[in-house]
C-alpha atoms as a PDB file:
ATOM      1  CA  MET A   1     -88.553  25.358  18.587  1.00  0.00           C
ATOM      2  CA  ASP A   2     -87.615  22.881  15.254  1.00  0.00           C
ATOM      3  CA  GLN A   3     -91.077  21.665  14.239  1.00  0.00           C
ATOM      4  CA  TYR A   4     -89.534  18.459  12.570  1.00  0.00           C
ATOM      5  CA  HIS A   5     -87.837  17.351  15.470  1.00  0.00           C
ATOM      6  CA  TYR A   6     -90.767  18.267  17.613  1.00  0.00           C
ATOM      7  CA  ARG A   7     -92.686  15.962  15.605  1.00  0.00           C
ATOM      8  CA  LEU A   8     -90.187  13.238  15.726  1.00  0.00           C
ATOM      9  CA  VAL A   9     -90.330  13.162  19.197  1.00  0.00           C
ATOM     10  CA  ASN A  10     -94.091  13.446  19.584  1.00  0.00           C
ATOM     11  CA  SER A  11     -94.578  10.643  17.350  1.00  0.00           C
ATOM     12  CA  LYS A  12     -92.445   8.301  19.600  1.00  0.00           C
ATOM     13  CA  LEU A  13     -93.785   9.925  22.929  1.00  0.00           C
ATOM     14  CA  SER A  14     -97.153  11.182  22.470  1.00  0.00           C
ATOM     15  CA  ASN A  15     -98.013  11.194  26.097  1.00  0.00           C
ATOM     16  CA  PHE A  16     -94.901  13.022  27.136  1.00  0.00           C
ATOM     17  CA  LYS A  17     -95.372  16.900  27.556  1.00  0.00           C
ATOM     18  CA  ILE A  18     -92.782  18.499  25.064  1.00  0.00           C
ATOM     19  CA  GLU A  19     -91.734  22.123  26.004  1.00  0.00           C
ATOM     20  CA  LYS A  20     -88.537  22.414  24.351  1.00  0.00           C
ATOM     21  CA  VAL A  21     -86.290  20.381  21.710  1.00  0.00           C
ATOM     22  CA  SER A  22     -82.874  21.170  20.940  1.00  0.00           C
ATOM     23  CA  LEU A  23     -80.450  19.453  18.488  1.00  0.00           C
ATOM     24  CA  ILE A  24     -77.407  17.907  20.109  1.00  0.00           C
ATOM     25  CA  ALA A  25     -76.204  15.873  17.014  1.00  0.00           C
ATOM     26  CA  GLU A  26     -77.337  14.896  13.591  1.00  0.00           C
ATOM     27  CA  THR A  27     -75.608  12.001  11.517  1.00  0.00           C
ATOM     28  CA  LEU A  28     -76.539  10.105   8.477  1.00  0.00           C
ATOM     29  CA  SER A  29     -77.200   7.382  11.070  1.00  0.00           C
ATOM     30  CA  LYS A  30     -78.574   8.976  14.244  1.00  0.00           C
ATOM     31  CA  THR A  31     -80.398  11.920  15.594  1.00  0.00           C
ATOM     32  CA  VAL A  32     -79.763  13.056  19.072  1.00  0.00           C
ATOM     33  CA  LEU A  33     -82.082  15.838  20.834  1.00  0.00           C
ATOM     34  CA  LEU A  34     -82.214  17.315  24.176  1.00  0.00           C
ATOM     35  CA  VAL A  35     -85.894  17.434  25.278  1.00  0.00           C
ATOM     36  CA  ASN A  36     -86.973  19.812  28.065  1.00  0.00           C
ATOM     37  CA  GLU A  37     -83.290  20.328  29.038  1.00  0.00           C
ATOM     38  CA  ASN A  38     -83.535  17.183  30.902  1.00  0.00           C
ATOM     39  CA  TRP A  39     -83.851  14.258  28.689  1.00  0.00           C
ATOM     40  CA  ILE A  40     -81.984  12.776  25.883  1.00  0.00           C
ATOM     41  CA  PHE A  41     -83.769  11.214  22.847  1.00  0.00           C
ATOM     42  CA  GLN A  42     -81.882   9.195  20.369  1.00  0.00           C
ATOM     43  CA  HIS A  43     -83.588   8.348  17.023  1.00  0.00           C
ATOM     44  CA  ALA A  44     -81.734   5.555  14.595  1.00  0.00           C
ATOM     45  CA  LYS A  45     -82.035   6.067  10.741  1.00  0.00           C
ATOM     46  CA  THR A  46     -80.096   3.009   9.798  1.00  0.00           C
ATOM     47  CA  ALA A  47     -80.016  -0.596  10.414  1.00  0.00           C
ATOM     48  CA  SER A  48     -76.640  -0.644  12.080  1.00  0.00           C
ATOM     49  CA  ALA A  49     -77.748   2.535  14.389  1.00  0.00           C
ATOM     50  CA  ILE A  50     -80.870   0.582  15.496  1.00  0.00           C
ATOM     51  CA  VAL A  51     -78.738  -2.360  16.645  1.00  0.00           C
ATOM     52  CA  LYS A  52     -76.531   0.116  18.468  1.00  0.00           C
ATOM     53  CA  ILE A  53     -79.516   1.410  20.427  1.00  0.00           C
ATOM     54  CA  GLN A  54     -81.144  -1.950  20.912  1.00  0.00           C
ATOM     55  CA  ASN A  55     -77.757  -3.091  22.471  1.00  0.00           C
ATOM     56  CA  GLU A  56     -77.450   0.033  24.591  1.00  0.00           C
ATOM     57  CA  VAL A  57     -81.039  -0.655  25.912  1.00  0.00           C
ATOM     58  CA  ALA A  58     -80.045  -4.359  26.666  1.00  0.00           C
ATOM     59  CA  VAL A  59     -76.586  -3.434  28.330  1.00  0.00           C
ATOM     60  CA  LEU A  60     -78.182  -0.931  30.544  1.00  0.00           C
ATOM     61  CA  GLU A  61     -80.656  -3.715  31.666  1.00  0.00           C
ATOM     62  CA  ALA A  62     -78.053  -5.985  32.400  1.00  0.00           C
ATOM     63  CA  LEU A  63     -75.987  -3.315  34.319  1.00  0.00           C
ATOM     64  CA  LYS A  64     -79.086  -2.067  36.461  1.00  0.00           C
ATOM     65  CA  TYR A  65     -77.343  -3.444  39.708  1.00  0.00           C
ATOM     66  CA  VAL A  66     -74.086  -1.375  39.171  1.00  0.00           C
ATOM     67  CA  ARG A  67     -74.048   0.957  42.183  1.00  0.00           C
ATOM     68  CA  ALA A  68     -70.492   2.580  41.878  1.00  0.00           C
ATOM     69  CA  VAL A  69     -71.434   5.155  39.367  1.00  0.00           C
ATOM     70  CA  PRO A  70     -74.832   6.300  37.997  1.00  0.00           C
ATOM     71  CA  LEU A  71     -75.495   5.120  34.680  1.00  0.00           C
ATOM     72  CA  THR A  72     -77.764   6.104  31.780  1.00  0.00           C
ATOM     73  CA  LYS A  73     -81.588   5.347  32.863  1.00  0.00           C
ATOM     74  CA  ILE A  74     -83.674   4.659  30.015  1.00  0.00           C
ATOM     75  CA  GLU A  75     -87.174   5.974  30.411  1.00  0.00           C
ATOM     76  CA  SER A  76     -88.840   4.523  27.291  1.00  0.00           C
ATOM     77  CA  SER A  77     -87.272   2.737  24.106  1.00  0.00           C
ATOM     78  CA  GLY A  78     -88.681   1.220  20.968  1.00  0.00           C
ATOM     79  CA  LEU A  79     -87.460  -0.340  17.837  1.00  0.00           C
ATOM     80  CA  ASP A  80     -85.577   2.720  16.752  1.00  0.00           C
ATOM     81  CA  PHE A  81     -85.446   5.150  19.539  1.00  0.00           C
ATOM     82  CA  SER A  82     -84.425   5.692  23.138  1.00  0.00           C
ATOM     83  CA  PHE A  83     -85.329   8.164  25.790  1.00  0.00           C
ATOM     84  CA  ALA A  84     -83.257   8.749  28.831  1.00  0.00           C
ATOM     85  CA  GLU A  85     -82.749  11.083  31.605  1.00  0.00           C
ATOM     86  CA  LYS A  86     -79.803  13.489  31.141  1.00  0.00           C
ATOM     87  CA  ILE A  87     -76.864  13.112  33.451  1.00  0.00           C
ATOM     88  CA  LYS A  88     -75.761  16.507  34.434  1.00  0.00           C
ATOM     89  CA  GLY A  89     -71.956  17.465  34.179  1.00  0.00           C
ATOM     90  CA  VAL A  90     -69.279  18.060  31.856  1.00  0.00           C
ATOM     91  CA  PRO A  91     -66.987  15.486  29.942  1.00  0.00           C
ATOM     92  CA  LEU A  92     -63.918  14.532  31.622  1.00  0.00           C
ATOM     93  CA  ARG A  93     -61.770  16.026  28.947  1.00  0.00           C
ATOM     94  CA  ARG A  94     -57.980  15.852  29.654  1.00  0.00           C
ATOM     95  CA  ASP A  95     -57.812  19.584  30.424  1.00  0.00           C
ATOM     96  CA  VAL A  96     -60.336  18.954  33.298  1.00  0.00           C
ATOM     97  CA  PHE A  97     -58.765  15.735  34.340  1.00  0.00           C
ATOM     98  CA  PHE A  98     -55.048  17.165  34.477  1.00  0.00           C
ATOM     99  CA  LYS A  99     -56.170  19.810  37.008  1.00  0.00           C
ATOM    100  CA  LEU A 100     -57.389  17.155  39.560  1.00  0.00           C
ATOM    101  CA  THR A 101     -55.075  16.366  42.454  1.00  0.00           C
ATOM    102  CA  GLY A 102     -55.169  14.957  45.996  1.00  0.00           C
ATOM    103  CA  PHE A 103     -58.632  13.923  47.458  1.00  0.00           C
ATOM    104  CA  PRO A 104     -60.688  14.840  44.168  1.00  0.00           C
ATOM    105  CA  LEU A 105     -58.286  12.641  41.891  1.00  0.00           C
ATOM    106  CA  GLN A 106     -58.369   9.770  44.413  1.00  0.00           C
ATOM    107  CA  THR A 107     -62.261   9.992  44.691  1.00  0.00           C
ATOM    108  CA  LEU A 108     -62.462   9.788  40.982  1.00  0.00           C
ATOM    109  CA  ALA A 109     -60.263   6.841  40.564  1.00  0.00           C
ATOM    110  CA  LYS A 110     -62.037   5.004  43.526  1.00  0.00           C
ATOM    111  CA  SER A 111     -65.389   5.486  41.742  1.00  0.00           C
ATOM    112  CA  PHE A 112     -64.165   4.548  38.384  1.00  0.00           C
ATOM    113  CA  ALA A 113     -62.278   1.604  39.682  1.00  0.00           C
ATOM    114  CA  TYR A 114     -65.247   0.142  41.301  1.00  0.00           C
ATOM    115  CA  PHE A 115     -67.463   0.734  38.366  1.00  0.00           C
ATOM    116  CA  LEU A 116     -65.129  -1.368  36.159  1.00  0.00           C
ATOM    117  CA  LYS A 117     -65.081  -4.048  38.647  1.00  0.00           C
ATOM    118  CA  GLU A 118     -68.803  -4.206  39.000  1.00  0.00           C
ATOM    119  CA  MET A 119     -69.367  -3.879  35.294  1.00  0.00           C
ATOM    120  CA  GLN A 120     -66.702  -6.535  34.365  1.00  0.00           C
ATOM    121  CA  ARG A 121     -68.370  -8.823  36.873  1.00  0.00           C
ATOM    122  CA  SER A 122     -71.949  -8.398  35.562  1.00  0.00           C
ATOM    123  CA  ASN A 123     -73.867 -10.907  33.719  1.00  0.00           C
ATOM    124  CA  LEU A 124     -73.219 -11.029  30.018  1.00  0.00           C
ATOM    125  CA  SER A 125     -75.873 -13.706  28.854  1.00  0.00           C
ATOM    126  CA  GLU A 126     -78.642 -11.305  27.700  1.00  0.00           C
ATOM    127  CA  VAL A 127     -76.203  -9.112  25.784  1.00  0.00           C
ATOM    128  CA  LYS A 128     -75.607 -10.268  22.253  1.00  0.00           C
ATOM    129  CA  GLU A 129     -73.020  -7.825  20.941  1.00  0.00           C
ATOM    130  CA  LYS A 130     -69.245  -8.424  20.886  1.00  0.00           C
ATOM    131  CA  ALA A 131     -66.578  -6.049  21.247  1.00  0.00           C
ATOM    132  CA  PRO A 132     -63.524  -6.539  18.661  1.00  0.00           C
ATOM    133  CA  PHE A 133     -60.921  -9.209  19.867  1.00  0.00           C
ATOM    134  CA  MET A 134     -57.527  -8.751  19.222  1.00  0.00           C
ATOM    135  CA  THR A 135     -56.515 -12.387  18.289  1.00  0.00           C
ATOM    136  CA  PHE A 136     -53.302 -13.440  16.977  1.00  0.00           C
ATOM    137  CA  GLU A 137     -54.408 -13.279  13.298  1.00  0.00           C
ATOM    138  CA  ALA A 138     -55.883  -9.842  13.562  1.00  0.00           C
ATOM    139  CA  ALA A 139     -52.468  -8.387  15.185  1.00  0.00           C
ATOM    140  CA  GLU A 140     -50.359 -10.324  12.452  1.00  0.00           C
ATOM    141  CA  LYS A 141     -52.547  -8.713   9.533  1.00  0.00           C
ATOM    142  CA  LEU A 142     -52.371  -5.406  11.229  1.00  0.00           C
ATOM    143  CA  TYR A 143     -48.647  -5.655  11.162  1.00  0.00           C
ATOM    144  CA  LYS A 144     -48.445  -6.706   7.625  1.00  0.00           C
ATOM    145  CA  ASP A 145     -51.075  -4.012   6.538  1.00  0.00           C
ATOM    146  CA  ALA A 146     -48.858  -1.493   8.194  1.00  0.00           C
ATOM    147  CA  GLU A 147     -45.746  -2.807   6.741  1.00  0.00           C
ATOM    148  CA  LYS A 148     -47.204  -2.579   3.191  1.00  0.00           C
ATOM    149  CA  GLU A 149     -48.996   0.804   3.556  1.00  0.00           C
ATOM    150  CA  ILE A 150     -47.622   3.019   6.375  1.00  0.00           C
ATOM    151  CA  PHE A 151     -44.058   2.083   7.147  1.00  0.00           C
ATOM    152  CA  PRO A 152     -42.571   3.355   3.712  1.00  0.00           C
ATOM    153  CA  HIS A 153     -44.046   6.803   4.906  1.00  0.00           C
ATOM    154  CA  LEU A 154     -42.187   6.803   8.351  1.00  0.00           C
ATOM    155  CA  GLU A 155     -38.877   7.852   9.760  1.00  0.00           C
ATOM    156  CA  VAL A 156     -36.634   4.845   9.971  1.00  0.00           C
ATOM    157  CA  TYR A 157     -36.565   5.067  13.885  1.00  0.00           C
ATOM    158  CA  VAL A 158     -40.275   5.152  14.040  1.00  0.00           C
ATOM    159  CA  ARG A 159     -40.766   2.116  11.689  1.00  0.00           C
ATOM    160  CA  ASP A 160     -38.107   0.204  13.883  1.00  0.00           C
ATOM    161  CA  ALA A 161     -40.057   1.023  16.878  1.00  0.00           C
ATOM    162  CA  TYR A 162     -43.174  -0.191  15.404  1.00  0.00           C
ATOM    163  CA  LYS A 163     -41.491  -3.679  14.217  1.00  0.00           C
ATOM    164  CA  GLN A 164     -40.155  -4.112  17.882  1.00  0.00           C
ATOM    165  CA  LEU A 165     -43.449  -3.360  19.459  1.00  0.00           C
ATOM    166  CA  PHE A 166     -45.338  -5.980  17.004  1.00  0.00           C
ATOM    167  CA  ASP A 167     -42.557  -8.603  17.236  1.00  0.00           C
ATOM    168  CA  SER A 168     -42.732  -8.456  21.272  1.00  0.00           C
ATOM    169  CA  PHE A 169     -46.373  -8.839  21.135  1.00  0.00           C
ATOM    170  CA  LEU A 170     -46.716 -11.398  18.758  1.00  0.00           C
ATOM    171  CA  GLU A 171     -44.159 -13.790  20.350  1.00  0.00           C
ATOM    172  CA  LYS A 172     -46.079 -13.989  23.630  1.00  0.00           C
ATOM    173  CA  PRO A 173     -48.928 -16.338  23.625  1.00  0.00           C
ATOM    174  CA  MET A 174     -50.288 -15.024  26.972  1.00  0.00           C
ATOM    175  CA  ASN A 175     -51.122 -11.876  25.120  1.00  0.00           C
ATOM    176  CA  PHE A 176     -54.061 -13.743  23.355  1.00  0.00           C
ATOM    177  CA  ARG A 177     -55.379 -15.735  26.453  1.00  0.00           C
ATOM    178  CA  TYR A 178     -57.840 -13.781  28.412  1.00  0.00           C
ATOM    179  CA  SER A 179     -61.423 -14.416  29.617  1.00  0.00           C
ATOM    180  CA  PRO A 180     -63.893 -11.928  27.763  1.00  0.00           C
ATOM    181  CA  VAL A 181     -65.955  -9.803  30.425  1.00  0.00           C
ATOM    182  CA  PHE A 182     -68.393  -7.116  30.109  1.00  0.00           C
ATOM    183  CA  ILE A 183     -66.706  -3.943  28.589  1.00  0.00           C
ATOM    184  CA  HIS A 184     -68.117  -0.395  27.864  1.00  0.00           C
ATOM    185  CA  GLY A 185     -66.233  -0.569  24.453  1.00  0.00           C
ATOM    186  CA  ASN A 186     -66.033   3.330  24.030  1.00  0.00           C
ATOM    187  CA  LEU A 187     -64.796   4.822  27.092  1.00  0.00           C
ATOM    188  CA  LEU A 188     -63.987   8.159  25.422  1.00  0.00           C
ATOM    189  CA  PRO A 189     -63.956  11.369  27.626  1.00  0.00           C
ATOM    190  CA  ASP A 190     -67.420  12.663  26.575  1.00  0.00           C
ATOM    191  CA  ARG A 191     -68.530   9.200  27.822  1.00  0.00           C
ATOM    192  CA  ILE A 192     -67.545  10.122  31.582  1.00  0.00           C
ATOM    193  CA  VAL A 193     -69.722  12.818  32.967  1.00  0.00           C
ATOM    194  CA  TYR A 194     -68.127  15.026  35.762  1.00  0.00           C
ATOM    195  CA  ASN A 195     -69.196  17.582  38.168  1.00  0.00           C
ATOM    196  CA  GLN A 196     -66.052  20.098  38.462  1.00  0.00           C
ATOM    197  CA  HIS A 197     -67.883  22.117  41.397  1.00  0.00           C
ATOM    198  CA  ILE A 198     -68.141  19.311  43.649  1.00  0.00           C
ATOM    199  CA  GLY A 199     -65.604  17.044  42.409  1.00  0.00           C
ATOM    200  CA  GLU A 200     -67.588  14.147  41.644  1.00  0.00           C
ATOM    201  CA  LEU A 201     -68.036  11.530  39.048  1.00  0.00           C
ATOM    202  CA  LYS A 202     -71.624  11.868  37.894  1.00  0.00           C
ATOM    203  CA  GLY A 203     -72.068   9.174  35.326  1.00  0.00           C
ATOM    204  CA  ILE A 204     -71.109   6.919  32.515  1.00  0.00           C
ATOM    205  CA  ILE A 205     -72.940   7.113  29.297  1.00  0.00           C
ATOM    206  CA  GLY A 206     -72.855   5.876  25.682  1.00  0.00           C
ATOM    207  CA  PHE A 207     -73.156   2.095  26.184  1.00  0.00           C
ATOM    208  CA  GLU A 208     -74.057   1.414  22.463  1.00  0.00           C
ATOM    209  CA  ASP A 209     -70.842  -0.492  21.898  1.00  0.00           C
ATOM    210  CA  ALA A 210     -70.786  -2.382  25.026  1.00  0.00           C
ATOM    211  CA  GLY A 211     -70.609  -6.326  25.260  1.00  0.00           C
ATOM    212  CA  ALA A 212     -68.227  -9.135  25.905  1.00  0.00           C
ATOM    213  CA  GLY A 213     -64.830  -8.003  25.155  1.00  0.00           C
ATOM    214  CA  ASP A 214     -61.168  -7.902  26.449  1.00  0.00           C
ATOM    215  CA  PRO A 215     -60.967  -5.606  29.387  1.00  0.00           C
ATOM    216  CA  ALA A 216     -57.658  -4.147  28.150  1.00  0.00           C
ATOM    217  CA  GLN A 217     -59.721  -2.601  25.415  1.00  0.00           C
ATOM    218  CA  ASP A 218     -61.360  -0.106  27.958  1.00  0.00           C
ATOM    219  CA  LEU A 219     -58.014   0.324  30.015  1.00  0.00           C
ATOM    220  CA  ALA A 220     -56.286   1.413  26.623  1.00  0.00           C
ATOM    221  CA  THR A 221     -58.706   4.167  25.982  1.00  0.00           C
ATOM    222  CA  LEU A 222     -58.205   5.550  29.576  1.00  0.00           C
ATOM    223  CA  ILE A 223     -54.427   5.416  29.142  1.00  0.00           C
ATOM    224  CA  TYR A 224     -54.608   7.035  25.583  1.00  0.00           C
ATOM    225  CA  HIS A 225     -56.697   9.978  27.115  1.00  0.00           C
ATOM    226  CA  TYR A 226     -55.321  10.109  30.684  1.00  0.00           C
ATOM    227  CA  GLY A 227     -51.995   8.235  30.906  1.00  0.00           C
ATOM    228  CA  GLU A 228     -50.954   5.710  33.279  1.00  0.00           C
ATOM    229  CA  ARG A 229     -51.069   8.108  36.034  1.00  0.00           C
ATOM    230  CA  PHE A 230     -54.708   7.488  36.094  1.00  0.00           C
ATOM    231  CA  THR A 231     -54.598   3.850  35.694  1.00  0.00           C
ATOM    232  CA  ASP A 232     -52.010   3.320  38.472  1.00  0.00           C
ATOM    233  CA  LEU A 233     -54.702   5.090  40.702  1.00  0.00           C
ATOM    234  CA  LEU A 234     -57.447   2.691  39.516  1.00  0.00           C
ATOM    235  CA  ALA A 235     -55.189  -0.313  40.091  1.00  0.00           C
ATOM    236  CA  HIS A 236     -55.019   0.524  43.828  1.00  0.00           C
ATOM    237  CA  PHE A 237     -58.603  -0.137  44.143  1.00  0.00           C
ATOM    238  CA  TYR A 238     -59.058  -2.755  41.461  1.00  0.00           C
ATOM    239  CA  PRO A 239     -55.612  -4.641  41.128  1.00  0.00           C
ATOM    240  CA  LYS A 240     -57.045  -6.948  38.395  1.00  0.00           C
ATOM    241  CA  ILE A 241     -56.095  -3.918  36.116  1.00  0.00           C
ATOM    242  CA  LYS A 242     -52.304  -4.578  36.402  1.00  0.00           C
ATOM    243  CA  GLU A 243     -53.068  -8.123  34.618  1.00  0.00           C
ATOM    244  CA  ASP A 244     -54.569  -6.224  31.685  1.00  0.00           C
ATOM    245  CA  ALA A 245     -52.054  -3.433  31.537  1.00  0.00           C
ATOM    246  CA  PRO A 246     -49.343  -4.996  29.019  1.00  0.00           C
ATOM    247  CA  ARG A 247     -51.969  -5.567  26.433  1.00  0.00           C
ATOM    248  CA  ALA A 248     -53.551  -2.265  27.039  1.00  0.00           C
ATOM    249  CA  ARG A 249     -50.093  -0.489  26.294  1.00  0.00           C
ATOM    250  CA  PHE A 250     -49.906  -2.378  22.956  1.00  0.00           C
ATOM    251  CA  PHE A 251     -53.699  -1.230  22.050  1.00  0.00           C
ATOM    252  CA  VAL A 252     -52.537   2.255  22.901  1.00  0.00           C
ATOM    253  CA  ALA A 253     -49.284   2.104  20.755  1.00  0.00           C
ATOM    254  CA  ILE A 254     -51.147   0.780  17.675  1.00  0.00           C
ATOM    255  CA  LYS A 255     -53.945   3.169  18.054  1.00  0.00           C
ATOM    256  CA  ASP A 256     -52.540   5.795  15.804  1.00  0.00           C
ATOM    257  CA  LEU A 257     -51.486   3.062  13.383  1.00  0.00           C
ATOM    258  CA  GLN A 258     -54.846   1.713  13.044  1.00  0.00           C
ATOM    259  CA  LYS A 259     -56.372   5.328  12.387  1.00  0.00           C
ATOM    260  CA  ALA A 260     -53.616   5.959   9.681  1.00  0.00           C
ATOM    261  CA  LEU A 261     -54.810   2.458   7.961  1.00  0.00           C
ATOM    262  CA  LYS A 262     -58.397   3.628   8.295  1.00  0.00           C
ATOM    263  CA  ALA A 263     -57.448   7.006   6.941  1.00  0.00           C
ATOM    264  CA  LEU A 264     -55.725   5.398   4.155  1.00  0.00           C
ATOM    265  CA  GLU A 265     -58.767   3.532   3.064  1.00  0.00           C
ATOM    266  CA  SER A 266     -60.523   6.864   2.888  1.00  0.00           C
ATOM    267  CA  LYS A 267     -57.719   8.504   0.978  1.00  0.00           C
ATOM    268  CA  ASN A 268     -56.933  10.842   3.849  1.00  0.00           C
ATOM    269  CA  ILE A 269     -53.603   9.934   5.295  1.00  0.00           C
ATOM    270  CA  LYS A 270     -51.543  13.158   5.485  1.00  0.00           C
ATOM    271  CA  ASP A 271     -52.761  14.206   8.619  1.00  0.00           C
ATOM    272  CA  GLN A 272     -52.966  10.873  10.467  1.00  0.00           C
ATOM    273  CA  LEU A 273     -49.363  10.003   9.712  1.00  0.00           C
ATOM    274  CA  ALA A 274     -48.344  13.309  11.296  1.00  0.00           C
ATOM    275  CA  HIS A 275     -48.394  12.248  14.830  1.00  0.00           C
ATOM    276  CA  LEU A 276     -47.412   8.556  14.504  1.00  0.00           C
ATOM    277  CA  GLY A 277     -44.858   7.683  17.099  1.00  0.00           C
ATOM    278  CA  SER A 278     -45.694  10.524  19.212  1.00  0.00           C
ATOM    279  CA  ALA A 279     -45.195  10.474  23.001  1.00  0.00           C
ATOM    280  CA  LYS A 280     -47.860   8.545  25.366  1.00  0.00           C
ATOM    281  CA  ASP A 281     -47.442   8.101  29.017  1.00  0.00           C
ATOM    282  CA  LEU A 282     -46.544   4.365  28.859  1.00  0.00           C
ATOM    283  CA  ARG A 283     -44.013   2.213  30.406  1.00  0.00           C
ATOM    284  CA  ASN A 284     -41.794  -0.594  28.818  1.00  0.00           C
END
């Protein structure tokens, strides 16, 4: 057992019997440990990481009445740490998802749709964090930055497709009119825990970026990873998803562009440009 990590956990949970500590992740901002095979311990190292941990604790308290899907249960927390029971299963990776058909797929969609519905209707009053909003000004700035920094590197047909995409989105005021709701903010496959053996959605984790936001942002993340085949099924159980789908498609289409601009800032643009304009499971 790593004595440093053991002492770290023990310093925050002195009354808890620690038998085993394993490292899950170590970054400049956060340490994540598996304790006794059944508990997740997170320790923040920076001010921004502390804010995220505190936000996740507040969010999970606000979502305590969600029943459709199990969520992370915080057993203990402090200024710079949280300690929660591990939800066991595997991340809902694309290779796992695309093997699902029939009843298991329908069951997954139903549980997930009801989770989104319950979350979006939850009380936001005690949660301070707000997810990024795509305002007209933000979309216009992204367009101008892309024209200057990215478009010169693209094939003509890809550049023309992006121009048409932005022009169409910016000319419709309704794309910037929506009511903020409770969103997860980062619904990546590793935040969705699935049991392959029994075909069941075991839980949703990773709520540090949750808060008030555009529901199309969560929908876009799901489309990006699983395609509209999945969101069509979700809409069958939660029809409001259809209202958010046009904005979500735009967010999916610009995601690689946003990554490329971010990479350019860090002087690492080559790999990010390689897949711009690639096919996605989207409709016009």
